[in-house]
């Protein structure tokens, strides 16, 4: 039964961080903080005191450094789930298309052109 997909199963896609159980555990604090950004008052409070918010949620140094540098890809490496990070990216004035460009090695404009070509 151990050959079944889903049982301790991992796909290696070069250049891609898969959000699996290991990444979920690694990024728990970061994702919990980002989840709380669903409330506008929390987004505003974060902007007023980023360091305090990161300490409050117990982010590790890798996660803090990624946030300080506004590096979404480093946040993903640090266990961030893109769905939760979308709120944080919004706080940093990054659109989903900005993030898509970062993830694919394109500028935002190149990513938008790519999307348009797929329609």
C-alpha atoms as a PDB file:
ATOM      1  CA  UNK A   1       0.000   0.000   0.000  1.00  0.00           C
ATOM      2  CA  UNK A   2       2.972   2.348   0.369  1.00  0.00           C
ATOM      3  CA  UNK A   3       3.143   2.866  -3.403  1.00  0.00           C
ATOM      4  CA  UNK A   4      -0.112   4.784  -3.456  1.00  0.00           C
ATOM      5  CA  UNK A   5       0.108   8.485  -4.325  1.00  0.00           C
ATOM      6  CA  UNK A   6      -0.496  10.618  -1.295  1.00  0.00           C
ATOM      7  CA  UNK A   7       1.250   8.296   1.116  1.00  0.00           C
ATOM      8  CA  UNK A   8       4.573   9.950   1.945  1.00  0.00           C
ATOM      9  CA  UNK A   9       4.544  11.027  -1.686  1.00  0.00           C
ATOM     10  CA  UNK A  10       6.563  13.980  -2.923  1.00  0.00           C
ATOM     11  CA  UNK A  11       6.910  15.320  -6.441  1.00  0.00           C
ATOM     12  CA  UNK A  12      10.101  17.197  -7.236  1.00  0.00           C
ATOM     13  CA  UNK A  13       9.499  20.089  -9.608  1.00  0.00           C
ATOM     14  CA  UNK A  14      12.748  22.022 -10.089  1.00  0.00           C
ATOM     15  CA  UNK A  15      12.438  25.651  -9.027  1.00  0.00           C
ATOM     16  CA  UNK A  16       9.102  25.055  -7.302  1.00  0.00           C
ATOM     17  CA  UNK A  17       8.394  24.981  -3.589  1.00  0.00           C
ATOM     18  CA  UNK A  18       5.519  22.578  -2.994  1.00  0.00           C
ATOM     19  CA  UNK A  19       3.250  23.461  -0.119  1.00  0.00           C
ATOM     20  CA  UNK A  20       3.120  20.104   1.585  1.00  0.00           C
ATOM     21  CA  UNK A  21       2.797  19.031   5.202  1.00  0.00           C
ATOM     22  CA  UNK A  22       6.420  19.880   5.948  1.00  0.00           C
ATOM     23  CA  UNK A  23       6.041  23.391   4.523  1.00  0.00           C
ATOM     24  CA  UNK A  24       2.737  23.839   6.353  1.00  0.00           C
ATOM     25  CA  UNK A  25       4.420  23.109   9.678  1.00  0.00           C
ATOM     26  CA  UNK A  26       7.386  25.336   8.787  1.00  0.00           C
ATOM     27  CA  UNK A  27       5.140  28.250   7.846  1.00  0.00           C
ATOM     28  CA  UNK A  28       2.427  27.890  10.468  1.00  0.00           C
ATOM     29  CA  UNK A  29       3.176  31.164  12.310  1.00  0.00           C
ATOM     30  CA  UNK A  30       3.559  33.158   9.076  1.00  0.00           C
ATOM     31  CA  UNK A  31       0.355  31.767   7.589  1.00  0.00           C
ATOM     32  CA  UNK A  32      -1.572  32.313  10.820  1.00  0.00           C
ATOM     33  CA  UNK A  33      -0.489  35.960  10.841  1.00  0.00           C
ATOM     34  CA  UNK A  34      -1.454  36.386   7.180  1.00  0.00           C
ATOM     35  CA  UNK A  35      -4.829  34.742   7.778  1.00  0.00           C
ATOM     36  CA  UNK A  36      -5.571  37.412  10.352  1.00  0.00           C
ATOM     37  CA  UNK A  37      -5.037  40.034   7.635  1.00  0.00           C
ATOM     38  CA  UNK A  38      -8.518  39.144   6.397  1.00  0.00           C
ATOM     39  CA  UNK A  39      -9.602  41.874   8.841  1.00  0.00           C
ATOM     40  CA  UNK A  40      -8.798  45.408   7.669  1.00  0.00           C
ATOM     41  CA  UNK A  41      -8.011  46.555  11.202  1.00  0.00           C
ATOM     42  CA  UNK A  42      -5.307  43.885  11.459  1.00  0.00           C
ATOM     43  CA  UNK A  43      -3.757  44.996   8.174  1.00  0.00           C
ATOM     44  CA  UNK A  44      -3.635  48.564   9.464  1.00  0.00           C
ATOM     45  CA  UNK A  45      -2.183  47.465  12.806  1.00  0.00           C
ATOM     46  CA  UNK A  46       0.526  45.483  11.006  1.00  0.00           C
ATOM     47  CA  UNK A  47       1.476  48.517   8.912  1.00  0.00           C
ATOM     48  CA  UNK A  48       1.783  50.555  12.117  1.00  0.00           C
ATOM     49  CA  UNK A  49       3.994  47.981  13.891  1.00  0.00           C
ATOM     50  CA  UNK A  50       5.402  45.245  11.651  1.00  0.00           C
ATOM     51  CA  UNK A  51       8.019  44.119  14.167  1.00  0.00           C
ATOM     52  CA  UNK A  52       5.455  43.861  16.938  1.00  0.00           C
ATOM     53  CA  UNK A  53       3.130  41.785  14.782  1.00  0.00           C
ATOM     54  CA  UNK A  54       5.910  39.433  13.705  1.00  0.00           C
ATOM     55  CA  UNK A  55       6.914  38.945  17.360  1.00  0.00           C
ATOM     56  CA  UNK A  56       3.286  38.477  18.420  1.00  0.00           C
ATOM     57  CA  UNK A  57       2.876  35.555  16.016  1.00  0.00           C
ATOM     58  CA  UNK A  58       6.296  34.050  16.744  1.00  0.00           C
ATOM     59  CA  UNK A  59       7.769  34.313  13.265  1.00  0.00           C
ATOM     60  CA  UNK A  60      11.279  32.909  12.917  1.00  0.00           C
ATOM     61  CA  UNK A  61      14.223  34.952  11.633  1.00  0.00           C
ATOM     62  CA  UNK A  62      13.913  33.595   8.072  1.00  0.00           C
ATOM     63  CA  UNK A  63      10.273  34.695   7.921  1.00  0.00           C
ATOM     64  CA  UNK A  64      11.011  38.087   9.482  1.00  0.00           C
ATOM     65  CA  UNK A  65      13.861  38.748   7.034  1.00  0.00           C
ATOM     66  CA  UNK A  66      11.632  37.851   4.077  1.00  0.00           C
ATOM     67  CA  UNK A  67       8.938  40.262   5.276  1.00  0.00           C
ATOM     68  CA  UNK A  68      11.418  43.042   5.979  1.00  0.00           C
ATOM     69  CA  UNK A  69      12.821  42.717   2.457  1.00  0.00           C
ATOM     70  CA  UNK A  70       9.318  42.336   0.912  1.00  0.00           C
ATOM     71  CA  UNK A  71      10.547  39.123  -0.737  1.00  0.00           C
ATOM     72  CA  UNK A  72       7.458  37.050  -1.517  1.00  0.00           C
ATOM     73  CA  UNK A  73       9.504  34.156  -2.937  1.00  0.00           C
ATOM     74  CA  UNK A  74      11.541  33.988   0.281  1.00  0.00           C
ATOM     75  CA  UNK A  75       8.268  33.966   2.225  1.00  0.00           C
ATOM     76  CA  UNK A  76       7.168  30.952   0.182  1.00  0.00           C
ATOM     77  CA  UNK A  77      10.511  29.262   0.903  1.00  0.00           C
ATOM     78  CA  UNK A  78       9.932  30.031   4.597  1.00  0.00           C
ATOM     79  CA  UNK A  79       6.678  28.047   4.544  1.00  0.00           C
ATOM     80  CA  UNK A  80       4.266  30.713   3.370  1.00  0.00           C
ATOM     81  CA  UNK A  81       1.210  29.584   1.463  1.00  0.00           C
ATOM     82  CA  UNK A  82       0.523  31.862  -1.510  1.00  0.00           C
ATOM     83  CA  UNK A  83      -3.181  32.055  -0.654  1.00  0.00           C
ATOM     84  CA  UNK A  84      -2.397  33.484   2.767  1.00  0.00           C
ATOM     85  CA  UNK A  85       0.506  35.563   1.475  1.00  0.00           C
ATOM     86  CA  UNK A  86      -1.809  37.313  -0.986  1.00  0.00           C
ATOM     87  CA  UNK A  87      -3.126  39.539   1.826  1.00  0.00           C
ATOM     88  CA  UNK A  88       0.412  40.411   2.883  1.00  0.00           C
ATOM     89  CA  UNK A  89       1.376  41.109  -0.726  1.00  0.00           C
ATOM     90  CA  UNK A  90      -1.596  43.469  -0.910  1.00  0.00           C
ATOM     91  CA  UNK A  91      -0.329  45.338   2.148  1.00  0.00           C
ATOM     92  CA  UNK A  92       2.955  45.759   0.247  1.00  0.00           C
ATOM     93  CA  UNK A  93       1.003  47.057  -2.786  1.00  0.00           C
ATOM     94  CA  UNK A  94       1.775  43.952  -4.849  1.00  0.00           C
ATOM     95  CA  UNK A  95      -0.975  42.509  -7.033  1.00  0.00           C
ATOM     96  CA  UNK A  96      -1.528  38.826  -7.723  1.00  0.00           C
ATOM     97  CA  UNK A  97      -0.070  39.473 -11.186  1.00  0.00           C
ATOM     98  CA  UNK A  98       3.054  41.029  -9.624  1.00  0.00           C
ATOM     99  CA  UNK A  99       3.480  37.853  -7.577  1.00  0.00           C
ATOM    100  CA  UNK A 100       2.792  35.670 -10.632  1.00  0.00           C
ATOM    101  CA  UNK A 101       5.577  37.466 -12.446  1.00  0.00           C
ATOM    102  CA  UNK A 102       7.944  36.884  -9.541  1.00  0.00           C
ATOM    103  CA  UNK A 103       7.044  33.193  -9.427  1.00  0.00           C
ATOM    104  CA  UNK A 104       7.620  32.718 -13.150  1.00  0.00           C
ATOM    105  CA  UNK A 105      10.710  34.898 -13.531  1.00  0.00           C
ATOM    106  CA  UNK A 106       8.842  37.528 -15.553  1.00  0.00           C
ATOM    107  CA  UNK A 107       8.137  41.188 -15.054  1.00  0.00           C
ATOM    108  CA  UNK A 108       4.536  42.023 -14.223  1.00  0.00           C
ATOM    109  CA  UNK A 109       4.042  43.244 -17.782  1.00  0.00           C
ATOM    110  CA  UNK A 110       5.535  40.064 -19.262  1.00  0.00           C
ATOM    111  CA  UNK A 111       3.304  37.975 -17.006  1.00  0.00           C
ATOM    112  CA  UNK A 112       0.217  39.966 -18.063  1.00  0.00           C
ATOM    113  CA  UNK A 113       1.158  39.437 -21.734  1.00  0.00           C
ATOM    114  CA  UNK A 114       1.612  35.722 -21.053  1.00  0.00           C
ATOM    115  CA  UNK A 115      -1.849  35.542 -19.445  1.00  0.00           C
ATOM    116  CA  UNK A 116      -3.408  37.389 -22.380  1.00  0.00           C
ATOM    117  CA  UNK A 117      -1.765  34.983 -24.833  1.00  0.00           C
ATOM    118  CA  UNK A 118      -3.347  32.011 -23.036  1.00  0.00           C
ATOM    119  CA  UNK A 119      -6.911  33.305 -23.367  1.00  0.00           C
END
